[in-house]
Amino acid sequence: MARPLRVEYAGAFYHVINRGNAGEDLFKDRADREKFLEYIEKAVDRFSIRIHTYCLMTNHYHVLVETPHPNLSKAIQWINFSYATYFNRKHQRMGHLFQGRFKSILVEADHYLQQLSRYIHLNPVRAKMVESPGEFRWSSYPAFIGKVTAPAWFEREWLLSQFGNTKTEAVANYKDFIEKSDMETQENPAKDLIGGFILGTPDFVNWVKEKNLVSRPDEKEIPQLRQLKPAIKIEAIVEAVCHEFNCSRELIMKRGRKNNLARDLAIYLSKTMSGETGVNLGEYFGNISGAGITVRYNHISAEIERNNQISDYLKRIRMRIVNN
């Protein structure tokens, strides 16, 4: 079963969304929403996450999360599990409360956080639950504009700082930014998604790929990973392997030599990182068949499971490729 691709690193921002299973309600009354916010508060303390915007609709929720530590999955899974346990017990139900795994969009904060915050805060208006966002008490908007006291765990200062030099100015400008926007022409920022989960400028997207995806092994359950990885030249891979084993390029290119681990690792990494076909790789590595490439790849894949030294070699080589 396919799993969503997650990229987690210190200082990342995410738009997290989760829905009720089969469209069912996540929140049936005021107590449910208060309990969910209570779990968010506990997660802020337990996982050191920061919440920049939130909105609890009826059958789904939105949260803008910053992770000073690379622990988004742990934090959101803890919130969801805790709330689902409470909800099922209270409403005497069994089974999954949420519709599969939560969705997380990795966001370039400087360019998109303002737009996402507006999009999230206007959700209740688009759904015709209220006429103005300030009327909906289950979002962070009333706290942004001072209509209610902001919870101690809620982080609004960073976003407001982008709307003015003083608190009064920032709140007024943010209020205008939200309430004077044209609902008819406003687009969902998610329309600019790359790979289904990255929202940012081309430079940001390339940085995410180079720093967080290149060195990550392929996983069959995450097809996005292979699609998004930037292609690495085979020569760069071979050079990194030569450096790790202190060997010549000729050794890696030599066919027929038994127990040639350097060659096998170069073939394995080329298949996972270069984006080349098996046929092209076979031609490069001495005119062997594509099937021969697959045999060496499968051999190393099996060795990784039982040989920690192989895993260590691969980690060091990948890091060298990424950092060069």
C-alpha atoms as a PDB file:
ATOM      1  CA  MET A   1       0.000   0.000   0.000  1.00  0.00           C
ATOM      2  CA  ALA A   2       1.374   3.411  -0.980  1.00  0.00           C
ATOM      3  CA  ARG A   3       2.470   5.730   1.812  1.00  0.00           C
ATOM      4  CA  PRO A   4       2.751   9.530   1.612  1.00  0.00           C
ATOM      5  CA  LEU A   5       6.231  10.929   1.227  1.00  0.00           C
ATOM      6  CA  ARG A   6       7.316  12.810   4.344  1.00  0.00           C
ATOM      7  CA  VAL A   7      10.358  15.052   4.563  1.00  0.00           C
ATOM      8  CA  GLU A   8      11.196  16.037   8.120  1.00  0.00           C
ATOM      9  CA  TYR A   9      13.961  18.371   9.240  1.00  0.00           C
ATOM     10  CA  ALA A  10      14.563  20.930  11.980  1.00  0.00           C
ATOM     11  CA  GLY A  11      12.837  24.231  11.286  1.00  0.00           C
ATOM     12  CA  ALA A  12      10.367  22.917   8.697  1.00  0.00           C
ATOM     13  CA  PHE A  13       6.845  24.294   8.207  1.00  0.00           C
ATOM     14  CA  TYR A  14       3.866  22.148   7.233  1.00  0.00           C
ATOM     15  CA  HIS A  15       0.216  22.496   6.329  1.00  0.00           C
ATOM     16  CA  VAL A  16      -1.342  19.433   7.970  1.00  0.00           C
ATOM     17  CA  ILE A  17      -4.812  18.215   7.000  1.00  0.00           C
ATOM     18  CA  ASN A  18      -6.760  15.209   8.212  1.00  0.00           C
ATOM     19  CA  ARG A  19     -10.320  14.115   7.530  1.00  0.00           C
ATOM     20  CA  GLY A  20     -12.892  11.883   9.114  1.00  0.00           C
ATOM     21  CA  ASN A  21     -13.116   8.339   7.796  1.00  0.00           C
ATOM     22  CA  ALA A  22     -15.592   8.146   4.892  1.00  0.00           C
ATOM     23  CA  GLY A  23     -16.403  11.822   5.405  1.00  0.00           C
ATOM     24  CA  GLU A  24     -17.706  11.296   8.933  1.00  0.00           C
ATOM     25  CA  ASP A  25     -17.642  14.124  11.465  1.00  0.00           C
ATOM     26  CA  LEU A  26     -14.540  14.505  13.602  1.00  0.00           C
ATOM     27  CA  PHE A  27     -16.236  16.941  15.958  1.00  0.00           C
ATOM     28  CA  LYS A  28     -19.819  16.520  17.138  1.00  0.00           C
ATOM     29  CA  ASP A  29     -19.979  19.188  19.806  1.00  0.00           C
ATOM     30  CA  ARG A  30     -18.088  21.917  21.623  1.00  0.00           C
ATOM     31  CA  ALA A  31     -16.489  19.442  24.039  1.00  0.00           C
ATOM     32  CA  ASP A  32     -14.940  17.504  21.150  1.00  0.00           C
ATOM     33  CA  ARG A  33     -13.263  20.583  19.708  1.00  0.00           C
ATOM     34  CA  GLU A  34     -12.057  21.667  23.138  1.00  0.00           C
ATOM     35  CA  LYS A  35     -10.567  18.215  23.716  1.00  0.00           C
ATOM     36  CA  PHE A  36      -8.790  18.285  20.347  1.00  0.00           C
ATOM     37  CA  LEU A  37      -7.262  21.683  21.171  1.00  0.00           C
ATOM     38  CA  GLU A  38      -6.233  20.283  24.533  1.00  0.00           C
ATOM     39  CA  TYR A  39      -4.293  17.526  22.766  1.00  0.00           C
ATOM     40  CA  ILE A  40      -2.672  20.118  20.505  1.00  0.00           C
ATOM     41  CA  GLU A  41      -1.599  22.063  23.588  1.00  0.00           C
ATOM     42  CA  LYS A  42      -0.074  18.920  25.094  1.00  0.00           C
ATOM     43  CA  ALA A  43       1.702  18.133  21.811  1.00  0.00           C
ATOM     44  CA  VAL A  44       3.215  21.634  21.755  1.00  0.00           C
ATOM     45  CA  ASP A  45       4.756  20.900  25.136  1.00  0.00           C
ATOM     46  CA  ARG A  46       5.632  17.253  24.502  1.00  0.00           C
ATOM     47  CA  PHE A  47       7.136  17.637  21.011  1.00  0.00           C
ATOM     48  CA  SER A  48       8.144  21.341  21.020  1.00  0.00           C
ATOM     49  CA  ILE A  49       6.114  22.010  17.875  1.00  0.00           C
ATOM     50  CA  ARG A  50       4.724  25.477  17.099  1.00  0.00           C
ATOM     51  CA  ILE A  51       1.207  26.091  15.837  1.00  0.00           C
ATOM     52  CA  HIS A  52       0.890  29.143  13.557  1.00  0.00           C
ATOM     53  CA  THR A  53      -2.707  28.704  12.330  1.00  0.00           C
ATOM     54  CA  TYR A  54      -5.482  26.201  12.961  1.00  0.00           C
ATOM     55  CA  CYS A  55      -9.100  25.619  11.975  1.00  0.00           C
ATOM     56  CA  LEU A  56     -11.335  22.809  13.214  1.00  0.00           C
ATOM     57  CA  MET A  57     -14.096  22.274  10.667  1.00  0.00           C
ATOM     58  CA  THR A  58     -16.734  19.564  11.117  1.00  0.00           C
ATOM     59  CA  ASN A  59     -15.252  16.578   9.304  1.00  0.00           C
ATOM     60  CA  HIS A  60     -11.644  17.743   8.962  1.00  0.00           C
ATOM     61  CA  TYR A  61      -9.010  20.034  10.437  1.00  0.00           C
ATOM     62  CA  HIS A  62      -6.186  22.269   9.209  1.00  0.00           C
ATOM     63  CA  VAL A  63      -3.031  23.150  11.137  1.00  0.00           C
ATOM     64  CA  LEU A  64       0.067  25.150  10.147  1.00  0.00           C
ATOM     65  CA  VAL A  65       2.899  23.536  12.096  1.00  0.00           C
ATOM     66  CA  GLU A  66       6.547  24.450  12.586  1.00  0.00           C
ATOM     67  CA  THR A  67       8.894  21.712  13.815  1.00  0.00           C
ATOM     68  CA  PRO A  68      12.069  22.929  15.560  1.00  0.00           C
ATOM     69  CA  HIS A  69      12.937  19.211  15.693  1.00  0.00           C
ATOM     70  CA  PRO A  70      12.343  16.727  12.838  1.00  0.00           C
ATOM     71  CA  ASN A  71       9.367  15.049  14.498  1.00  0.00           C
ATOM     72  CA  LEU A  72       6.207  15.981  12.583  1.00  0.00           C
ATOM     73  CA  SER A  73       4.972  12.397  12.215  1.00  0.00           C
ATOM     74  CA  LYS A  74       5.404  11.599  15.895  1.00  0.00           C
ATOM     75  CA  ALA A  75       3.594  14.768  16.968  1.00  0.00           C
ATOM     76  CA  ILE A  76       0.613  14.481  14.615  1.00  0.00           C
ATOM     77  CA  GLN A  77       0.240  10.749  15.121  1.00  0.00           C
ATOM     78  CA  TRP A  78       0.175  11.304  18.880  1.00  0.00           C
ATOM     79  CA  ILE A  79      -2.531  13.982  18.546  1.00  0.00           C
ATOM     80  CA  ASN A  80      -4.636  11.824  16.216  1.00  0.00           C
ATOM     81  CA  PHE A  81      -4.305   8.666  18.284  1.00  0.00           C
ATOM     82  CA  SER A  82      -5.082  10.460  21.545  1.00  0.00           C
ATOM     83  CA  TYR A  83      -8.115  12.196  20.096  1.00  0.00           C
ATOM     84  CA  ALA A  84      -9.431   9.080  18.326  1.00  0.00           C
ATOM     85  CA  THR A  85      -9.231   7.125  21.595  1.00  0.00           C
ATOM     86  CA  TYR A  86     -11.171   9.856  23.391  1.00  0.00           C
ATOM     87  CA  PHE A  87     -13.745  10.226  20.584  1.00  0.00           C
ATOM     88  CA  ASN A  88     -14.466   6.510  20.232  1.00  0.00           C
ATOM     89  CA  ARG A  89     -14.826   6.072  23.964  1.00  0.00           C
ATOM     90  CA  LYS A  90     -17.104   9.104  24.376  1.00  0.00           C
ATOM     91  CA  HIS A  91     -19.337   8.343  21.399  1.00  0.00           C
ATOM     92  CA  GLN A  92     -19.314   4.562  21.924  1.00  0.00           C
ATOM     93  CA  ARG A  93     -17.954   3.729  18.485  1.00  0.00           C
ATOM     94  CA  MET A  94     -15.275   1.422  17.107  1.00  0.00           C
ATOM     95  CA  GLY A  95     -12.951   1.516  14.125  1.00  0.00           C
ATOM     96  CA  HIS A  96     -10.879   4.168  12.425  1.00  0.00           C
ATOM     97  CA  LEU A  97     -11.831   7.771  13.088  1.00  0.00           C
ATOM     98  CA  PHE A  98      -9.492   9.328  10.524  1.00  0.00           C
ATOM     99  CA  GLN A  99      -9.364   8.737   6.782  1.00  0.00           C
ATOM    100  CA  GLY A 100      -5.991   7.032   6.537  1.00  0.00           C
ATOM    101  CA  ARG A 101      -2.723   8.827   7.106  1.00  0.00           C
ATOM    102  CA  PHE A 102      -2.698  12.572   7.576  1.00  0.00           C
ATOM    103  CA  LYS A 103      -1.697  14.795   4.661  1.00  0.00           C
ATOM    104  CA  SER A 104       1.240  17.127   5.160  1.00  0.00           C
ATOM    105  CA  ILE A 105       2.449  19.789   2.750  1.00  0.00           C
ATOM    106  CA  LEU A 106       6.006  21.004   3.239  1.00  0.00           C
ATOM    107  CA  VAL A 107       5.876  24.800   2.989  1.00  0.00           C
ATOM    108  CA  GLU A 108       8.416  27.510   2.214  1.00  0.00           C
ATOM    109  CA  ALA A 109       7.256  29.783   5.014  1.00  0.00           C
ATOM    110  CA  ASP A 110       8.518  33.129   3.711  1.00  0.00           C
ATOM    111  CA  HIS A 111       6.573  32.824   0.461  1.00  0.00           C
ATOM    112  CA  TYR A 112       3.444  30.850   1.307  1.00  0.00           C
ATOM    113  CA  LEU A 113       2.606  30.971   5.019  1.00  0.00           C
ATOM    114  CA  GLN A 114       0.600  34.189   4.716  1.00  0.00           C
ATOM    115  CA  GLN A 115      -1.501  32.808   1.855  1.00  0.00           C
ATOM    116  CA  LEU A 116      -2.066  29.481   3.587  1.00  0.00           C
ATOM    117  CA  SER A 117      -3.082  31.188   6.810  1.00  0.00           C
ATOM    118  CA  ARG A 118      -5.665  33.220   4.898  1.00  0.00           C
ATOM    119  CA  TYR A 119      -6.920  30.163   3.025  1.00  0.00           C
ATOM    120  CA  ILE A 120      -7.324  28.217   6.275  1.00  0.00           C
ATOM    121  CA  HIS A 121      -9.030  31.044   8.164  1.00  0.00           C
ATOM    122  CA  LEU A 122     -11.545  31.554   5.348  1.00  0.00           C
ATOM    123  CA  ASN A 123     -12.546  27.874   5.242  1.00  0.00           C
ATOM    124  CA  PRO A 124     -15.635  28.368   7.444  1.00  0.00           C
ATOM    125  CA  VAL A 125     -16.763  31.250   5.217  1.00  0.00           C
ATOM    126  CA  ARG A 126     -16.371  29.209   2.025  1.00  0.00           C
ATOM    127  CA  ALA A 127     -18.331  26.388   3.698  1.00  0.00           C
ATOM    128  CA  LYS A 128     -21.063  28.926   4.594  1.00  0.00           C
ATOM    129  CA  MET A 129     -20.780  28.079   8.276  1.00  0.00           C
ATOM    130  CA  VAL A 130     -20.353  31.793   9.088  1.00  0.00           C
ATOM    131  CA  GLU A 131     -20.496  35.057   7.192  1.00  0.00           C
ATOM    132  CA  SER A 132     -17.145  36.371   8.443  1.00  0.00           C
ATOM    133  CA  PRO A 133     -14.099  34.492   9.774  1.00  0.00           C
ATOM    134  CA  GLY A 134     -14.200  36.307  13.110  1.00  0.00           C
ATOM    135  CA  GLU A 135     -17.492  34.593  13.923  1.00  0.00           C
ATOM    136  CA  PHE A 136     -15.970  31.116  13.832  1.00  0.00           C
ATOM    137  CA  ARG A 137     -14.597  30.413  17.281  1.00  0.00           C
ATOM    138  CA  TRP A 138     -12.862  27.144  16.358  1.00  0.00           C
ATOM    139  CA  SER A 139     -10.086  28.710  14.300  1.00  0.00           C
ATOM    140  CA  SER A 140      -7.114  30.799  15.367  1.00  0.00           C
ATOM    141  CA  TYR A 141      -8.440  33.887  13.581  1.00  0.00           C
ATOM    142  CA  PRO A 142     -10.294  35.395  16.594  1.00  0.00           C
ATOM    143  CA  ALA A 143      -7.027  35.129  18.541  1.00  0.00           C
ATOM    144  CA  PHE A 144      -5.105  36.813  15.709  1.00  0.00           C
ATOM    145  CA  ILE A 145      -7.350  39.881  15.716  1.00  0.00           C
ATOM    146  CA  GLY A 146      -7.671  40.111  19.496  1.00  0.00           C
ATOM    147  CA  LYS A 147     -11.321  39.094  19.652  1.00  0.00           C
ATOM    148  CA  VAL A 148     -10.400  36.385  22.173  1.00  0.00           C
ATOM    149  CA  THR A 149      -7.328  35.852  24.322  1.00  0.00           C
ATOM    150  CA  ALA A 150      -4.744  33.803  22.446  1.00  0.00           C
ATOM    151  CA  PRO A 151      -3.897  30.496  24.153  1.00  0.00           C
ATOM    152  CA  ALA A 152      -0.435  30.446  25.704  1.00  0.00           C
ATOM    153  CA  TRP A 153       0.590  27.588  23.391  1.00  0.00           C
ATOM    154  CA  PHE A 154      -0.437  29.398  20.195  1.00  0.00           C
ATOM    155  CA  GLU A 155       2.275  31.120  18.119  1.00  0.00           C
ATOM    156  CA  ARG A 156       0.946  34.185  16.293  1.00  0.00           C
ATOM    157  CA  GLU A 157       3.794  36.677  16.670  1.00  0.00           C
ATOM    158  CA  TRP A 158       5.909  35.380  13.785  1.00  0.00           C
ATOM    159  CA  LEU A 159       3.115  35.666  11.249  1.00  0.00           C
ATOM    160  CA  LEU A 160       1.885  39.015  12.559  1.00  0.00           C
ATOM    161  CA  SER A 161       5.429  40.417  12.401  1.00  0.00           C
ATOM    162  CA  GLN A 162       5.137  40.236   8.605  1.00  0.00           C
ATOM    163  CA  PHE A 163       2.185  42.653   8.611  1.00  0.00           C
ATOM    164  CA  GLY A 164       3.527  45.603  10.584  1.00  0.00           C
ATOM    165  CA  ASN A 165       6.152  47.003  12.923  1.00  0.00           C
ATOM    166  CA  THR A 166       3.771  47.389  15.880  1.00  0.00           C
ATOM    167  CA  LYS A 167       1.210  44.942  17.199  1.00  0.00           C
ATOM    168  CA  THR A 168      -1.680  47.335  16.515  1.00  0.00           C
ATOM    169  CA  GLU A 169      -0.554  47.936  12.943  1.00  0.00           C
ATOM    170  CA  ALA A 170       0.099  44.237  12.318  1.00  0.00           C
ATOM    171  CA  VAL A 171      -3.321  43.130  13.613  1.00  0.00           C
ATOM    172  CA  ALA A 172      -5.117  45.782  11.520  1.00  0.00           C
ATOM    173  CA  ASN A 173      -3.203  44.849   8.373  1.00  0.00           C
ATOM    174  CA  TYR A 174      -3.716  41.120   8.931  1.00  0.00           C
ATOM    175  CA  LYS A 175      -7.449  41.697   9.457  1.00  0.00           C
ATOM    176  CA  ASP A 176      -7.615  43.571   6.145  1.00  0.00           C
ATOM    177  CA  PHE A 177      -5.563  40.846   4.449  1.00  0.00           C
ATOM    178  CA  ILE A 178      -8.122  38.249   5.513  1.00  0.00           C
ATOM    179  CA  GLU A 179     -11.442  40.067   5.411  1.00  0.00           C
ATOM    180  CA  LYS A 180     -10.925  42.302   2.364  1.00  0.00           C
ATOM    181  CA  SER A 181      -9.693  39.527   0.087  1.00  0.00           C
ATOM    182  CA  ASP A 182     -11.826  38.636  -2.922  1.00  0.00           C
ATOM    183  CA  MET A 183     -13.273  35.189  -2.250  1.00  0.00           C
ATOM    184  CA  GLU A 184     -14.223  34.781  -5.914  1.00  0.00           C
ATOM    185  CA  THR A 185     -10.691  35.169  -7.257  1.00  0.00           C
ATOM    186  CA  GLN A 186      -8.758  33.696  -4.326  1.00  0.00           C
ATOM    187  CA  GLU A 187      -7.058  30.428  -5.237  1.00  0.00           C
ATOM    188  CA  ASN A 188      -5.952  27.555  -3.074  1.00  0.00           C
ATOM    189  CA  PRO A 189      -2.154  27.876  -2.679  1.00  0.00           C
ATOM    190  CA  ALA A 190      -1.997  24.083  -3.000  1.00  0.00           C
ATOM    191  CA  LYS A 191      -2.473  24.497  -6.755  1.00  0.00           C
ATOM    192  CA  ASP A 192       1.288  25.175  -6.878  1.00  0.00           C
ATOM    193  CA  LEU A 193       2.225  21.885  -5.223  1.00  0.00           C
ATOM    194  CA  ILE A 194       5.288  20.060  -6.538  1.00  0.00           C
ATOM    195  CA  GLY A 195       5.243  16.291  -6.256  1.00  0.00           C
ATOM    196  CA  GLY A 196       2.019  16.475  -4.294  1.00  0.00           C
ATOM    197  CA  PHE A 197       3.644  17.691  -1.091  1.00  0.00           C
ATOM    198  CA  ILE A 198       6.081  20.626  -1.588  1.00  0.00           C
ATOM    199  CA  LEU A 199       4.902  24.228  -1.734  1.00  0.00           C
ATOM    200  CA  GLY A 200       7.660  26.691  -2.524  1.00  0.00           C
ATOM    201  CA  THR A 201       9.819  28.477  -5.049  1.00  0.00           C
ATOM    202  CA  PRO A 202      11.996  26.473  -7.490  1.00  0.00           C
ATOM    203  CA  ASP A 203      15.055  27.170  -5.308  1.00  0.00           C
ATOM    204  CA  PHE A 204      13.288  25.787  -2.241  1.00  0.00           C
ATOM    205  CA  VAL A 205      12.065  22.718  -4.125  1.00  0.00           C
ATOM    206  CA  ASN A 206      15.575  22.006  -5.426  1.00  0.00           C
ATOM    207  CA  TRP A 207      17.008  22.439  -1.926  1.00  0.00           C
ATOM    208  CA  VAL A 208      14.509  19.933  -0.522  1.00  0.00           C
ATOM    209  CA  LYS A 209      15.380  17.430  -3.241  1.00  0.00           C
ATOM    210  CA  GLU A 210      19.143  17.802  -2.896  1.00  0.00           C
ATOM    211  CA  LYS A 211      19.343  17.868   0.904  1.00  0.00           C
ATOM    212  CA  ASN A 212      16.554  15.467   1.847  1.00  0.00           C
ATOM    213  CA  LEU A 213      15.827  13.125  -1.059  1.00  0.00           C
ATOM    214  CA  VAL A 214      19.067  12.372  -2.923  1.00  0.00           C
ATOM    215  CA  SER A 215      20.579  10.317  -0.103  1.00  0.00           C
ATOM    216  CA  ARG A 216      17.327   8.584   0.807  1.00  0.00           C
ATOM    217  CA  PRO A 217      17.006   4.968  -0.378  1.00  0.00           C
ATOM    218  CA  ASP A 218      14.076   4.161  -2.663  1.00  0.00           C
ATOM    219  CA  GLU A 219      10.991   2.653  -1.016  1.00  0.00           C
ATOM    220  CA  LYS A 220       8.437   0.713  -3.040  1.00  0.00           C
ATOM    221  CA  GLU A 221       5.618   1.993  -0.811  1.00  0.00           C
ATOM    222  CA  ILE A 222       6.531   5.620  -1.649  1.00  0.00           C
ATOM    223  CA  PRO A 223       6.513   5.983  -5.459  1.00  0.00           C
ATOM    224  CA  GLN A 224       6.824   9.796  -5.150  1.00  0.00           C
ATOM    225  CA  LEU A 225      10.334   9.398  -3.783  1.00  0.00           C
ATOM    226  CA  ARG A 226      11.833   7.964  -6.960  1.00  0.00           C
ATOM    227  CA  GLN A 227       9.927  10.457  -9.110  1.00  0.00           C
ATOM    228  CA  LEU A 228      11.181  13.491  -7.200  1.00  0.00           C
ATOM    229  CA  LYS A 229      14.793  12.541  -6.726  1.00  0.00           C
ATOM    230  CA  PRO A 230      17.108  14.680  -8.838  1.00  0.00           C
ATOM    231  CA  ALA A 231      19.199  12.621 -11.247  1.00  0.00           C
ATOM    232  CA  ILE A 232      22.855  12.208 -10.292  1.00  0.00           C
ATOM    233  CA  LYS A 233      25.518  11.589 -12.922  1.00  0.00           C
ATOM    234  CA  ILE A 234      26.946   8.084 -12.846  1.00  0.00           C
ATOM    235  CA  GLU A 235      30.480   9.497 -12.929  1.00  0.00           C
ATOM    236  CA  ALA A 236      29.811  11.353  -9.656  1.00  0.00           C
ATOM    237  CA  ILE A 237      28.599   8.114  -8.074  1.00  0.00           C
ATOM    238  CA  VAL A 238      31.617   6.142  -9.263  1.00  0.00           C
ATOM    239  CA  GLU A 239      33.973   8.865  -8.026  1.00  0.00           C
ATOM    240  CA  ALA A 240      32.365   8.781  -4.552  1.00  0.00           C
ATOM    241  CA  VAL A 241      32.672   4.985  -4.402  1.00  0.00           C
ATOM    242  CA  CYS A 242      36.335   5.185  -5.441  1.00  0.00           C
ATOM    243  CA  HIS A 243      36.967   7.655  -2.613  1.00  0.00           C
ATOM    244  CA  GLU A 244      35.243   5.421  -0.038  1.00  0.00           C
ATOM    245  CA  PHE A 245      37.217   2.313  -1.048  1.00  0.00           C
ATOM    246  CA  ASN A 246      40.408   4.119  -2.028  1.00  0.00           C
ATOM    247  CA  CYS A 247      40.339   2.281  -5.336  1.00  0.00           C
ATOM    248  CA  SER A 248      40.700   3.129  -9.011  1.00  0.00           C
ATOM    249  CA  ARG A 249      37.873   3.640 -11.463  1.00  0.00           C
ATOM    250  CA  GLU A 250      39.258   0.703 -13.452  1.00  0.00           C
ATOM    251  CA  LEU A 251      38.520  -1.651 -10.540  1.00  0.00           C
ATOM    252  CA  ILE A 252      34.881  -0.620 -10.514  1.00  0.00           C
ATOM    253  CA  MET A 253      34.522  -0.942 -14.280  1.00  0.00           C
ATOM    254  CA  LYS A 254      36.209  -4.366 -14.408  1.00  0.00           C
ATOM    255  CA  ARG A 255      33.880  -7.251 -15.233  1.00  0.00           C
ATOM    256  CA  GLY A 256      34.153 -10.804 -13.952  1.00  0.00           C
ATOM    257  CA  ARG A 257      36.065 -10.112 -10.715  1.00  0.00           C
ATOM    258  CA  LYS A 258      34.454 -11.951  -7.798  1.00  0.00           C
ATOM    259  CA  ASN A 259      33.605 -10.174  -4.538  1.00  0.00           C
ATOM    260  CA  ASN A 260      34.011  -6.746  -6.117  1.00  0.00           C
ATOM    261  CA  LEU A 261      32.001  -4.856  -3.501  1.00  0.00           C
ATOM    262  CA  ALA A 262      32.992  -1.431  -4.814  1.00  0.00           C
ATOM    263  CA  ARG A 263      31.593  -2.294  -8.261  1.00  0.00           C
ATOM    264  CA  ASP A 264      28.398  -3.755  -6.771  1.00  0.00           C
ATOM    265  CA  LEU A 265      27.785  -0.635  -4.677  1.00  0.00           C
ATOM    266  CA  ALA A 266      28.435   1.627  -7.652  1.00  0.00           C
ATOM    267  CA  ILE A 267      25.872  -0.332  -9.672  1.00  0.00           C
ATOM    268  CA  TYR A 268      23.361  -0.294  -6.810  1.00  0.00           C
ATOM    269  CA  LEU A 269      23.698   3.459  -6.234  1.00  0.00           C
ATOM    270  CA  SER A 270      23.599   4.216  -9.952  1.00  0.00           C
ATOM    271  CA  LYS A 271      20.330   2.336 -10.280  1.00  0.00           C
ATOM    272  CA  THR A 272      18.781   4.204  -7.319  1.00  0.00           C
ATOM    273  CA  MET A 273      20.201   7.694  -7.918  1.00  0.00           C
ATOM    274  CA  SER A 274      20.950   8.263 -11.608  1.00  0.00           C
ATOM    275  CA  GLY A 275      17.520   7.740 -13.126  1.00  0.00           C
ATOM    276  CA  GLU A 276      19.116   5.708 -15.950  1.00  0.00           C
ATOM    277  CA  THR A 277      17.511   2.547 -17.322  1.00  0.00           C
ATOM    278  CA  GLY A 278      18.958  -0.882 -16.671  1.00  0.00           C
ATOM    279  CA  VAL A 279      20.020  -1.112 -20.311  1.00  0.00           C
ATOM    280  CA  ASN A 280      21.941   2.177 -20.163  1.00  0.00           C
ATOM    281  CA  LEU A 281      23.570   1.203 -16.881  1.00  0.00           C
ATOM    282  CA  GLY A 282      24.584  -2.145 -18.385  1.00  0.00           C
ATOM    283  CA  GLU A 283      26.292  -0.356 -21.265  1.00  0.00           C
ATOM    284  CA  TYR A 284      28.108   1.953 -18.877  1.00  0.00           C
ATOM    285  CA  PHE A 285      29.372  -0.838 -16.641  1.00  0.00           C
ATOM    286  CA  GLY A 286      31.095  -2.823 -19.380  1.00  0.00           C
ATOM    287  CA  ASN A 287      28.280  -3.813 -21.738  1.00  0.00           C
ATOM    288  CA  ILE A 288      26.515  -6.201 -19.394  1.00  0.00           C
ATOM    289  CA  SER A 289      22.779  -6.861 -19.731  1.00  0.00           C
ATOM    290  CA  GLY A 290      20.034  -4.965 -17.937  1.00  0.00           C
ATOM    291  CA  ALA A 291      19.250  -8.239 -16.195  1.00  0.00           C
ATOM    292  CA  GLY A 292      22.847  -8.323 -14.925  1.00  0.00           C
ATOM    293  CA  ILE A 293      22.360  -4.869 -13.389  1.00  0.00           C
ATOM    294  CA  THR A 294      19.201  -6.100 -11.672  1.00  0.00           C
ATOM    295  CA  VAL A 295      21.028  -9.154 -10.272  1.00  0.00           C
ATOM    296  CA  ARG A 296      23.739  -6.967  -8.670  1.00  0.00           C
ATOM    297  CA  TYR A 297      21.128  -4.504  -7.400  1.00  0.00           C
ATOM    298  CA  ASN A 298      19.081  -7.278  -5.781  1.00  0.00           C
ATOM    299  CA  HIS A 299      22.217  -8.766  -4.263  1.00  0.00           C
ATOM    300  CA  ILE A 300      23.125  -5.522  -2.493  1.00  0.00           C
ATOM    301  CA  SER A 301      19.473  -4.953  -1.487  1.00  0.00           C
ATOM    302  CA  ALA A 302      19.538  -8.319   0.296  1.00  0.00           C
ATOM    303  CA  GLU A 303      22.927  -7.591   1.888  1.00  0.00           C
ATOM    304  CA  ILE A 304      21.669  -4.302   3.336  1.00  0.00           C
ATOM    305  CA  GLU A 305      19.147  -6.240   5.422  1.00  0.00           C
ATOM    306  CA  ARG A 306      21.775  -8.390   7.115  1.00  0.00           C
ATOM    307  CA  ASN A 307      25.049  -6.486   6.880  1.00  0.00           C
ATOM    308  CA  ASN A 308      25.372  -3.229   8.809  1.00  0.00           C
ATOM    309  CA  GLN A 309      28.741  -2.486   7.235  1.00  0.00           C
ATOM    310  CA  ILE A 310      27.110  -2.332   3.787  1.00  0.00           C
ATOM    311  CA  SER A 311      24.584   0.169   5.133  1.00  0.00           C
ATOM    312  CA  ASP A 312      27.398   2.272   6.592  1.00  0.00           C
ATOM    313  CA  TYR A 313      29.250   2.281   3.271  1.00  0.00           C
ATOM    314  CA  LEU A 314      26.110   3.435   1.460  1.00  0.00           C
ATOM    315  CA  LYS A 315      25.373   6.201   3.965  1.00  0.00           C
ATOM    316  CA  ARG A 316      28.872   7.643   3.694  1.00  0.00           C
ATOM    317  CA  ILE A 317      28.894   7.425  -0.098  1.00  0.00           C
ATOM    318  CA  ARG A 318      25.487   9.068  -0.414  1.00  0.00           C
ATOM    319  CA  MET A 319      26.518  11.897   1.898  1.00  0.00           C
ATOM    320  CA  ARG A 320      29.642  12.479  -0.143  1.00  0.00           C
ATOM    321  CA  ILE A 321      27.601  12.631  -3.352  1.00  0.00           C
ATOM    322  CA  VAL A 322      25.119  15.095  -1.824  1.00  0.00           C
ATOM    323  CA  ASN A 323      27.757  17.364  -0.313  1.00  0.00           C
ATOM    324  CA  ASN A 324      29.999  17.557  -3.371  1.00  0.00           C
END
